[in-house]
Amino acid sequence: MKKSLPLHLLRTLVAIVFFTEGLLKFLWPEALGPGRFAQLGLPVPTQMAQFVAIVEMVAALALIANLYAGDAALLLLGVILGALVMTKIPILLGHAFLGFQPAALPHYGLLSFLHEARTDLLVLFALIVILAESGIRWGRRD
């Protein structure tokens, strides 16, 4: 597989985002770690926050090192999709979704969703690119 500077930069940027978020779950536990997970209504919030933080940090390191980057991207896709479902879809809908309440905002709907989810959406699409470029085979056995 040839080396690509744009892909390397994309992996690095995504890794920085996820490593930082994982670290902040430990540094700011009430705002971003177990406190936030409890506020969302997740079971065993301390263990869940620690697990997600470790996944984010380890997968971020894998992306930077380009070791199992596709597998790391797949794990991080799960994290970002979970975040979108729990925190951004309720904003899009303007009401609870699967038991997750929308944040208190002055506006709801598509434009508010796109504003609030802008980083999540960029990371989501970047992970899809990383996954597609990783060489992971999608159910085909040649």
Protein backbone atom coordinates (compact mmCIF):
# COMPACT_ATOMS: atom_id res chain seq x y z
CA MET A 1 0.00 0.00 0.00
CA LYS A 2 1.49 3.33 -1.03
CA LYS A 3 2.02 6.09 1.46
CA SER A 4 -0.30 9.07 1.14
CA LEU A 5 0.42 12.35 2.90
CA PRO A 6 -3.25 13.47 2.85
CA LEU A 7 -4.34 10.14 4.37
CA HIS A 8 -1.58 10.35 6.98
CA LEU A 9 -2.69 13.87 7.89
CA LEU A 10 -6.32 12.74 8.07
CA ARG A 11 -5.43 9.81 10.36
CA THR A 12 -3.35 12.14 12.55
CA LEU A 13 -6.11 14.73 12.87
CA VAL A 14 -8.73 12.09 13.73
CA ALA A 15 -6.30 10.55 16.21
CA ILE A 16 -5.71 13.90 17.92
CA VAL A 17 -9.46 14.43 18.28
CA PHE A 18 -10.10 10.99 19.78
CA PHE A 19 -6.99 10.85 21.96
CA THR A 20 -7.88 14.25 23.43
CA GLU A 21 -11.49 13.23 24.07
CA GLY A 22 -10.36 9.98 25.71
CA LEU A 23 -7.88 11.82 27.92
CA LEU A 24 -10.46 14.43 28.89
CA LYS A 25 -12.81 11.71 30.14
CA PHE A 26 -10.18 11.03 32.81
CA LEU A 27 -9.13 14.64 33.44
CA TRP A 28 -12.64 16.12 33.56
CA PRO A 29 -14.73 13.18 34.80
CA GLU A 30 -17.81 15.17 35.82
CA ALA A 31 -18.12 17.09 32.57
CA LEU A 32 -16.93 14.51 30.03
CA GLY A 33 -16.46 11.19 31.79
CA PRO A 34 -18.66 9.28 34.23
CA GLY A 35 -20.64 12.40 35.11
CA ARG A 36 -21.58 12.95 31.47
CA PHE A 37 -22.33 9.25 30.93
CA ALA A 38 -24.57 9.26 34.02
CA GLN A 39 -26.34 12.40 32.76
CA LEU A 40 -27.04 10.56 29.48
CA GLY A 41 -28.56 7.71 31.49
CA LEU A 42 -25.99 5.09 30.52
CA PRO A 43 -25.61 2.07 32.80
CA VAL A 44 -22.43 1.71 34.88
CA PRO A 45 -21.26 5.19 33.83
CA THR A 46 -17.82 5.03 35.45
CA GLN A 47 -16.87 1.75 33.81
CA MET A 48 -18.47 2.75 30.50
CA ALA A 49 -16.66 6.10 30.39
CA GLN A 50 -13.33 4.48 31.24
CA PHE A 51 -13.85 1.79 28.60
CA VAL A 52 -14.75 4.33 25.90
CA ALA A 53 -11.81 6.54 26.90
CA ILE A 54 -9.36 3.65 26.62
CA VAL A 55 -10.80 2.60 23.25
CA GLU A 56 -10.50 6.19 22.00
CA MET A 57 -6.91 6.55 23.16
CA VAL A 58 -5.62 3.16 22.01
CA ALA A 59 -7.38 3.39 18.65
CA ALA A 60 -6.00 6.92 18.20
CA LEU A 61 -2.47 5.64 18.74
CA ALA A 62 -3.11 2.85 16.24
CA LEU A 63 -4.24 5.43 13.66
CA ILE A 64 -1.13 7.55 14.14
CA ALA A 65 1.13 4.50 13.87
CA ASN A 66 -0.96 3.15 10.96
CA LEU A 67 -1.12 -0.19 12.76
CA TYR A 68 -4.48 -1.88 12.28
CA ALA A 69 -5.80 1.51 11.16
CA GLY A 70 -8.91 -0.08 9.63
CA ASP A 71 -9.73 -1.93 12.82
CA ALA A 72 -9.11 1.23 14.85
CA ALA A 73 -11.34 3.23 12.50
CA LEU A 74 -14.08 0.63 12.89
CA LEU A 75 -13.93 0.91 16.70
CA LEU A 76 -14.00 4.69 16.51
CA LEU A 77 -16.93 4.58 14.10
CA GLY A 78 -18.84 2.79 16.84
CA VAL A 79 -17.89 5.52 19.31
CA ILE A 80 -18.88 8.40 17.03
CA LEU A 81 -22.12 6.75 15.91
CA GLY A 82 -23.02 6.20 19.57
CA ALA A 83 -22.29 9.84 20.33
CA LEU A 84 -24.43 10.99 17.40
CA VAL A 85 -27.35 8.80 18.44
CA MET A 86 -27.20 9.83 22.09
CA THR A 87 -26.45 13.53 21.77
CA LYS A 88 -27.13 14.83 18.27
CA ILE A 89 -30.12 12.92 16.86
CA PRO A 90 -32.33 14.29 19.68
CA ILE A 91 -31.29 17.79 18.56
CA LEU A 92 -32.24 16.97 14.98
CA LEU A 93 -35.63 15.65 16.07
CA GLY A 94 -36.24 18.24 18.78
CA HIS A 95 -37.32 15.55 21.25
CA ALA A 96 -36.04 12.43 22.96
CA PHE A 97 -34.70 9.61 20.81
CA LEU A 98 -34.30 6.10 22.25
CA GLY A 99 -34.57 7.65 25.71
CA PHE A 100 -31.83 10.24 25.09
CA GLN A 101 -32.95 13.83 25.68
CA PRO A 102 -31.86 16.75 23.51
CA ALA A 103 -29.50 19.30 25.01
CA ALA A 104 -31.09 22.55 26.14
CA LEU A 105 -30.60 24.74 23.08
CA PRO A 106 -32.38 27.80 21.68
CA HIS A 107 -33.11 25.95 18.40
CA TYR A 108 -33.68 22.39 17.22
CA GLY A 109 -33.97 20.79 13.81
CA LEU A 110 -31.65 20.33 10.85
CA LEU A 111 -29.65 23.56 11.09
CA SER A 112 -29.10 23.21 14.82
CA PHE A 113 -28.14 19.55 14.33
CA LEU A 114 -25.63 20.45 11.59
CA HIS A 115 -24.13 23.14 13.81
CA GLU A 116 -23.88 21.00 16.94
CA ALA A 117 -22.70 17.89 15.04
CA ARG A 118 -20.19 19.54 12.72
CA THR A 119 -17.12 17.97 14.36
CA ASP A 120 -18.86 14.61 14.77
CA LEU A 121 -19.85 14.57 11.10
CA LEU A 122 -16.36 15.49 9.92
CA VAL A 123 -14.86 12.76 12.08
CA LEU A 124 -17.51 10.28 10.90
CA PHE A 125 -16.70 10.86 7.23
CA ALA A 126 -12.95 10.92 7.90
CA LEU A 127 -13.24 7.52 9.61
CA ILE A 128 -15.14 6.17 6.62
CA VAL A 129 -12.29 7.33 4.35
CA ILE A 130 -9.68 5.79 6.64
CA LEU A 131 -11.63 2.55 6.76
CA ALA A 132 -12.07 2.46 2.98
CA GLU A 133 -8.37 3.13 2.44
CA SER A 134 -7.26 0.57 5.04
CA GLY A 135 -7.67 -2.41 2.76
CA ILE A 136 -10.27 -4.11 4.92
CA ARG A 137 -12.26 -6.55 2.83
CA TRP A 138 -16.03 -6.18 2.97
CA GLY A 139 -17.34 -9.76 3.04
CA ARG A 140 -15.63 -10.77 -0.21
CA ARG A 141 -13.19 -13.63 -0.21
CA ASP A 142 -11.12 -13.61 -3.40
